[in-house]
Amino acid sequence: MISFLIPNYNYVCADLVRDLARQGEQLRAEQPVAFDFEVVVADDASPRRETVEANRAINALPRCRYVERTQNVGRAHLCNWLIEEAKFDCIVIIDSDAAVCTPDFVRRYWEESDTADVVCGTLRNPEGGEPRGCELRYRYEQHGMKHRRAALSNEANAYWQLSTFNLLLHRSALGTLRFDERCREYGYEDALLGLELERRGISLRHLDNPLVHTGIDRNASFLQKTETALRTLSLLEGPMQERAQVARTERRLRALRLDGVACALFRLARGLLRRHLCGHHPSLFLFNLYKLGFYTTLMRRAGAGVHL
C-alpha cells in the first residue's frame, strides 16, 4: 500500500501521474488483496492558469487527486501537508518535474519498502547530453550522481546523499519528524531531513530505482536558485552549518580573518563568474568559488545588518 505524493508549482505533471497510475493499476490487478495505491498532487498556488488546467486531467485518473491550494506555502510545508493527507503509511515523495523511465518503478518500491524506514531512489539526467543553455545544472547533477551511486554501496555517507526528488518514507517510522519549514524557498530541506534521520537513528538505504529529472533549469535560473539556497543556509544553525562545505569554508576564512579579502575578490570577479557560469562551458570548480564568495559576502553583510 503506497501513497505517491507530488508537491507541484508551475509544472505540468499529468504524464508523470499517468505513468504511476498505469504501473499501480497493473500491479493491483496482479495483487488485488496485497497491493493498493493512490497518487496525490498538491499544487502550491501556481499562477500559470494553463498549467493548472492541464493538471486538472489528473482527477480523471483512477486513484489520483489533484489538489489546488489557494495560498503559496513553500515546498517543505506542502510536503508536510501531503504526508498528513496520505491514505497509507508507506509514502513516496516525487518532484513534479520527474519522469518514469523504467517499467517496474512502482513494483520495485513495493517489493523493497520494508528493507528500511526510508528508501532513497535515484535520479537520472535526460539522455542525449547537455541541453543547450542548461549546462550548469546538468553538470551539477552528473557530479551529484557519482556521490549518490557511491551511497548505494557505502551507507556511511547515505544520510548526506538523501534526496527528496524520489524518496520512500514510512510515516510511522518518522513519528513527529517532518520537513523543516524554515526552508520556505529553494534549498536544504533534503539535507536537514537527512541529518535528523541520522540523529534519530531512523534507518535509510539507497536503492537504484530511478526517475529522470526533466526540469533541468537554465543556467541563469539555476544560479538564482543557488543564491536562494545559500540565503536559506545562512538562516540555519547547528548541524547544518557544521556539515555544509560552503559554511565550513566560510568559517575557516572568518577565523583566519580572510573573509573580507574573499568578499573583495568576489565583488571584483562576480560579473565575470556569472557570465562564465551562464555560458555553455561552465566549470563546477568556478561554480563552487562563486558559491563561497556569495555565501561569505552574505554572512559578512548579515553581521553588519546589510542584506545581499
Protein backbone atom coordinates (compact mmCIF):
# COMPACT_ATOMS: atom_id res chain seq x y z
CA MET A 1 0.00 0.00 0.00
CA ILE A 2 1.69 3.17 -1.20
CA SER A 3 0.74 6.84 -1.39
CA PHE A 4 2.65 8.69 -4.12
CA LEU A 5 2.84 12.35 -3.12
CA ILE A 6 3.83 15.07 -5.60
CA PRO A 7 4.32 18.69 -4.48
CA ASN A 8 3.93 20.92 -7.53
CA TYR A 9 4.47 24.52 -8.53
CA ASN A 10 4.04 25.74 -12.11
CA TYR A 11 4.77 22.38 -13.75
CA VAL A 12 2.56 20.11 -15.84
CA CYS A 13 2.93 16.69 -14.23
CA ALA A 14 -0.06 14.85 -15.71
CA ASP A 15 2.18 12.46 -17.69
CA LEU A 16 4.11 11.52 -14.56
CA VAL A 17 0.86 10.75 -12.74
CA ARG A 18 -0.47 8.71 -15.69
CA ASP A 19 2.65 6.54 -15.71
CA LEU A 20 2.50 5.99 -11.94
CA ALA A 21 -1.22 5.17 -12.13
CA ARG A 22 -0.70 2.75 -15.03
CA GLN A 23 2.01 0.83 -13.19
CA GLY A 24 -0.04 0.91 -9.99
CA GLU A 25 -3.12 -0.48 -11.73
CA GLN A 26 -1.07 -3.25 -13.34
CA LEU A 27 0.37 -4.28 -10.00
CA ARG A 28 -3.00 -4.04 -8.31
CA ALA A 29 -4.53 -6.34 -10.97
CA GLU A 30 -1.83 -8.91 -10.19
CA GLN A 31 -2.08 -8.48 -6.40
CA PRO A 32 -5.67 -7.30 -5.73
CA VAL A 33 -5.54 -8.09 -2.00
CA ALA A 34 -1.92 -7.25 -1.15
CA PHE A 35 -1.45 -4.00 -3.07
CA ASP A 36 -3.25 -0.68 -3.31
CA PHE A 37 -2.08 2.85 -4.09
CA GLU A 38 -3.01 6.48 -4.55
CA VAL A 39 -1.37 9.44 -6.28
CA VAL A 40 -1.91 12.89 -4.74
CA VAL A 41 -0.63 16.07 -6.37
CA ALA A 42 -0.76 19.26 -4.30
CA ASP A 43 -0.42 22.47 -6.30
CA ASP A 44 1.21 25.30 -4.35
CA ALA A 45 -0.99 28.08 -5.81
CA SER A 46 0.61 28.01 -9.26
CA PRO A 47 -0.06 31.31 -11.07
CA ARG A 48 0.02 29.82 -14.59
CA ARG A 49 -3.59 29.00 -15.36
CA GLU A 50 -2.71 26.87 -18.38
CA THR A 51 -0.57 24.66 -16.13
CA VAL A 52 -3.39 24.26 -13.62
CA GLU A 53 -5.88 23.48 -16.40
CA ALA A 54 -3.60 20.78 -17.84
CA ASN A 55 -3.08 19.19 -14.42
CA ARG A 56 -6.81 19.02 -13.71
CA ALA A 57 -6.89 15.99 -16.03
CA ILE A 58 -5.26 14.11 -13.13
CA ASN A 59 -8.63 13.97 -11.34
CA ALA A 60 -9.99 11.72 -14.10
CA LEU A 61 -7.33 9.04 -13.45
CA PRO A 62 -8.11 6.13 -11.11
CA ARG A 63 -6.94 6.65 -7.50
CA CYS A 64 -5.45 10.05 -8.37
CA ARG A 65 -6.18 13.52 -6.96
CA TYR A 66 -5.09 17.00 -7.93
CA VAL A 67 -5.47 19.38 -5.00
CA GLU A 68 -5.33 23.12 -5.76
CA ARG A 69 -4.04 25.11 -2.82
CA THR A 70 -5.03 28.76 -2.72
CA GLN A 71 -2.01 30.06 -0.79
CA ASN A 72 1.65 29.50 -1.62
CA VAL A 73 3.34 27.92 1.41
CA GLY A 74 6.63 26.56 0.04
CA ARG A 75 7.78 23.03 -0.67
CA ALA A 76 8.63 21.94 2.89
CA HIS A 77 5.23 22.96 4.26
CA LEU A 78 3.47 21.41 1.26
CA CYS A 79 5.30 18.10 1.73
CA ASN A 80 4.28 18.04 5.38
CA TRP A 81 0.66 18.68 4.41
CA LEU A 82 0.79 15.85 1.87
CA ILE A 83 2.23 13.46 4.46
CA GLU A 84 -0.72 14.15 6.74
CA GLU A 85 -3.18 13.78 3.84
CA ALA A 86 -1.78 10.43 2.67
CA LYS A 87 -4.07 7.43 2.99
CA PHE A 88 -1.30 4.86 3.51
CA ASP A 89 1.63 4.62 5.92
CA CYS A 90 4.13 3.95 3.12
CA ILE A 91 4.60 7.15 1.11
CA VAL A 92 6.77 8.10 -1.87
CA ILE A 93 7.59 11.77 -2.39
CA ILE A 94 8.37 12.68 -6.01
CA ASP A 95 9.27 16.02 -7.57
CA SER A 96 6.76 17.11 -10.18
CA ASP A 97 9.48 17.53 -12.85
CA ALA A 98 10.29 13.80 -12.75
CA ALA A 99 9.51 11.19 -15.40
CA VAL A 100 9.13 7.43 -15.03
CA CYS A 101 11.86 5.68 -17.04
CA THR A 102 11.54 2.01 -16.02
CA PRO A 103 8.61 -0.41 -16.38
CA ASP A 104 8.81 -1.56 -12.74
CA PHE A 105 9.28 1.66 -10.75
CA VAL A 106 6.18 1.10 -8.59
CA ARG A 107 6.89 -2.62 -8.18
CA ARG A 108 10.48 -2.03 -7.03
CA TYR A 109 9.34 0.29 -4.26
CA TRP A 110 6.58 -2.10 -3.22
CA GLU A 111 8.99 -5.03 -3.05
CA GLU A 112 11.74 -3.06 -1.26
CA SER A 113 9.58 -0.91 1.01
CA ASP A 114 10.22 -2.97 4.14
CA THR A 115 14.01 -3.05 3.82
CA ALA A 116 14.43 0.27 5.67
CA ASP A 117 12.40 3.03 7.28
CA VAL A 118 13.46 5.34 4.46
CA VAL A 119 14.45 4.25 0.95
CA CYS A 120 16.05 6.81 -1.37
CA GLY A 121 15.61 6.23 -5.08
CA THR A 122 17.94 7.59 -7.75
CA LEU A 123 17.91 10.50 -10.19
CA ARG A 124 18.93 10.40 -13.83
CA ASN A 125 19.59 13.26 -16.21
CA PRO A 126 17.79 13.16 -19.56
CA GLU A 127 19.54 11.19 -22.30
CA GLY A 128 21.17 12.99 -25.20
CA GLY A 129 23.78 15.05 -23.37
CA GLU A 130 23.68 18.58 -22.01
CA PRO A 131 20.64 20.61 -23.08
CA ARG A 132 21.91 23.86 -24.59
CA GLY A 133 21.59 26.67 -22.09
CA CYS A 134 21.18 24.23 -19.18
CA GLU A 135 24.77 23.01 -18.91
CA LEU A 136 25.41 24.17 -15.33
CA ARG A 137 22.52 22.26 -13.74
CA TYR A 138 23.18 19.22 -15.95
CA ARG A 139 26.86 19.05 -14.92
CA TYR A 140 25.96 19.66 -11.29
CA GLU A 141 23.52 16.72 -11.34
CA GLN A 142 26.02 14.49 -13.15
CA HIS A 143 28.57 15.21 -10.44
CA GLY A 144 25.99 14.56 -7.71
CA MET A 145 25.03 11.23 -9.26
CA LYS A 146 28.57 9.93 -8.67
CA HIS A 147 28.16 10.50 -4.94
CA ARG A 148 24.65 9.04 -4.91
CA ARG A 149 25.88 5.92 -6.74
CA ALA A 150 28.59 5.55 -4.10
CA ALA A 151 25.89 5.72 -1.42
CA LEU A 152 24.26 2.61 -2.93
CA SER A 153 27.10 0.55 -1.51
CA ASN A 154 28.56 2.85 1.16
CA GLU A 155 25.98 3.52 3.84
CA ALA A 156 28.44 5.68 5.82
CA ASN A 157 27.52 8.69 3.72
CA ALA A 158 23.94 7.65 2.98
CA TYR A 159 22.19 10.32 5.04
CA TRP A 160 24.09 13.23 3.49
CA GLN A 161 23.22 11.98 -0.01
CA LEU A 162 19.49 11.84 0.71
CA SER A 163 17.33 13.49 -1.96
CA THR A 164 13.61 14.12 -1.79
CA PHE A 165 13.40 14.10 -5.58
CA ASN A 166 12.48 10.40 -5.29
CA LEU A 167 12.08 9.14 -1.73
CA LEU A 168 10.09 6.45 0.10
CA LEU A 169 9.19 7.04 3.77
CA HIS A 170 7.27 5.11 6.39
CA ARG A 171 5.17 7.68 8.22
CA SER A 172 5.03 5.52 11.36
CA ALA A 173 8.84 5.38 11.49
CA LEU A 174 9.12 9.16 11.18
CA GLY A 175 6.95 9.77 14.23
CA THR A 176 6.74 13.54 14.64
CA LEU A 177 9.64 14.24 12.27
CA ARG A 178 8.69 16.39 9.30
CA PHE A 179 10.38 18.71 6.80
CA ASP A 180 11.88 21.85 8.34
CA GLU A 181 9.53 24.67 7.37
CA ARG A 182 12.24 27.27 7.78
CA CYS A 183 13.09 26.19 4.22
CA ARG A 184 10.38 28.39 2.79
CA GLU A 185 12.18 28.74 -0.53
CA TYR A 186 14.57 26.56 -2.54
CA GLY A 187 17.33 24.60 -0.83
CA TYR A 188 18.49 22.40 2.04
CA GLU A 189 15.22 20.73 3.09
CA ASP A 190 16.73 17.42 1.85
CA ALA A 191 19.93 17.83 3.83
CA LEU A 192 18.11 18.86 7.01
CA LEU A 193 15.85 15.82 6.80
CA GLY A 194 18.86 13.56 6.28
CA LEU A 195 20.60 14.99 9.35
CA GLU A 196 17.51 14.45 11.51
CA LEU A 197 17.04 10.89 10.24
CA GLU A 198 20.64 10.13 11.17
CA ARG A 199 20.35 11.81 14.57
CA ARG A 200 17.21 9.84 15.43
CA GLY A 201 18.61 6.53 14.19
CA ILE A 202 15.93 6.08 11.52
CA SER A 203 17.25 3.53 9.03
CA LEU A 204 18.00 4.64 5.48
CA ARG A 205 19.16 2.82 2.37
CA HIS A 206 19.69 3.86 -1.23
CA LEU A 207 18.00 1.88 -4.00
CA ASP A 208 18.70 2.04 -7.73
CA ASN A 209 15.09 2.85 -8.61
CA PRO A 210 15.43 5.84 -10.93
CA LEU A 211 13.35 8.71 -12.19
CA VAL A 212 14.51 11.13 -14.89
CA HIS A 213 14.84 14.81 -13.99
CA THR A 214 13.09 16.51 -16.90
CA GLY A 215 13.03 20.03 -15.47
CA ILE A 216 16.70 20.91 -15.97
CA ASP A 217 16.98 24.63 -15.13
CA ARG A 218 18.54 27.09 -17.49
CA ASN A 219 21.91 28.36 -16.31
CA ALA A 220 20.77 31.78 -15.04
CA SER A 221 17.75 30.27 -13.29
CA PHE A 222 19.88 27.64 -11.54
CA LEU A 223 22.36 30.29 -10.42
CA GLN A 224 19.47 32.28 -8.96
CA LYS A 225 18.16 29.16 -7.18
CA THR A 226 21.64 28.54 -5.79
CA GLU A 227 21.74 32.05 -4.34
CA THR A 228 18.30 31.45 -2.78
CA ALA A 229 19.54 28.19 -1.26
CA LEU A 230 22.58 29.94 0.22
CA ARG A 231 20.32 32.57 1.79
CA THR A 232 18.34 29.71 3.33
CA LEU A 233 21.55 28.13 4.63
CA SER A 234 22.57 31.42 6.25
CA LEU A 235 19.42 31.28 8.40
CA LEU A 236 20.05 27.74 9.64
CA GLU A 237 22.11 26.88 12.69
CA GLY A 238 23.81 23.95 14.37
CA PRO A 239 24.50 20.70 12.46
CA MET A 240 23.60 22.14 9.06
CA GLN A 241 26.27 24.82 9.36
CA GLU A 242 28.75 22.19 10.53
CA ARG A 243 28.01 19.81 7.64
CA ALA A 244 27.64 22.09 4.61
CA GLN A 245 31.01 22.50 2.89
CA VAL A 246 30.48 26.14 1.92
CA ALA A 247 29.59 27.06 5.52
CA ARG A 248 32.62 25.25 6.91
CA THR A 249 34.94 27.00 4.47
CA GLU A 250 33.40 30.40 5.26
CA ARG A 251 34.02 29.82 8.97
CA ARG A 252 37.67 29.00 8.28
CA LEU A 253 38.07 32.18 6.27
CA ARG A 254 36.46 34.16 9.07
CA ALA A 255 38.71 32.53 11.70
CA LEU A 256 41.76 33.47 9.61
CA ARG A 257 40.33 36.96 9.06
CA LEU A 258 40.36 36.39 5.34
CA ASP A 259 36.63 36.74 4.80
CA GLY A 260 37.00 40.41 3.93
CA VAL A 261 39.59 39.58 1.27
CA ALA A 262 37.31 36.86 -0.12
CA CYS A 263 34.42 39.33 -0.32
CA ALA A 264 36.54 41.92 -2.10
CA LEU A 265 37.74 39.37 -4.66
CA PHE A 266 34.18 38.15 -5.20
CA ARG A 267 32.94 41.69 -5.72
CA LEU A 268 35.55 42.19 -8.44
CA ALA A 269 35.02 38.80 -10.12
CA ARG A 270 31.28 38.29 -9.68
CA GLY A 271 30.27 39.60 -13.10
CA LEU A 272 32.90 37.54 -14.90
CA LEU A 273 31.97 34.42 -12.94
CA ARG A 274 28.28 34.87 -13.73
CA ARG A 275 28.97 35.26 -17.44
CA HIS A 276 31.08 32.12 -17.41
CA LEU A 277 28.57 30.08 -15.42
CA CYS A 278 25.70 31.21 -17.66
CA GLY A 279 27.68 30.23 -20.75
CA HIS A 280 27.85 26.88 -22.50
CA HIS A 281 31.01 25.51 -20.80
CA PRO A 282 30.61 26.22 -17.06
CA SER A 283 33.20 24.91 -14.62
CA LEU A 284 31.94 23.30 -11.42
CA PHE A 285 35.15 24.46 -9.71
CA LEU A 286 34.28 28.07 -10.54
CA PHE A 287 30.69 27.37 -9.53
CA ASN A 288 31.93 26.36 -6.07
CA LEU A 289 34.07 29.51 -5.89
CA TYR A 290 31.01 31.59 -6.78
CA LYS A 291 29.01 29.89 -4.02
CA LEU A 292 31.77 30.52 -1.49
CA GLY A 293 32.13 34.18 -2.48
CA PHE A 294 28.38 34.75 -2.41
CA TYR A 295 27.91 32.99 0.94
CA THR A 296 30.89 34.73 2.56
CA THR A 297 29.59 38.10 1.41
CA LEU A 298 26.12 37.16 2.65
CA MET A 299 27.39 36.25 6.12
CA ARG A 300 29.65 39.30 6.38
CA ARG A 301 26.83 41.66 5.41
CA ALA A 302 24.41 39.87 7.73
CA GLY A 303 26.85 40.54 10.56
CA ALA A 304 26.75 44.20 9.61
CA GLY A 305 22.95 44.20 9.26
CA VAL A 306 23.02 44.56 5.45
CA HIS A 307 21.08 42.26 3.13
CA LEU A 308 22.52 40.87 -0.12
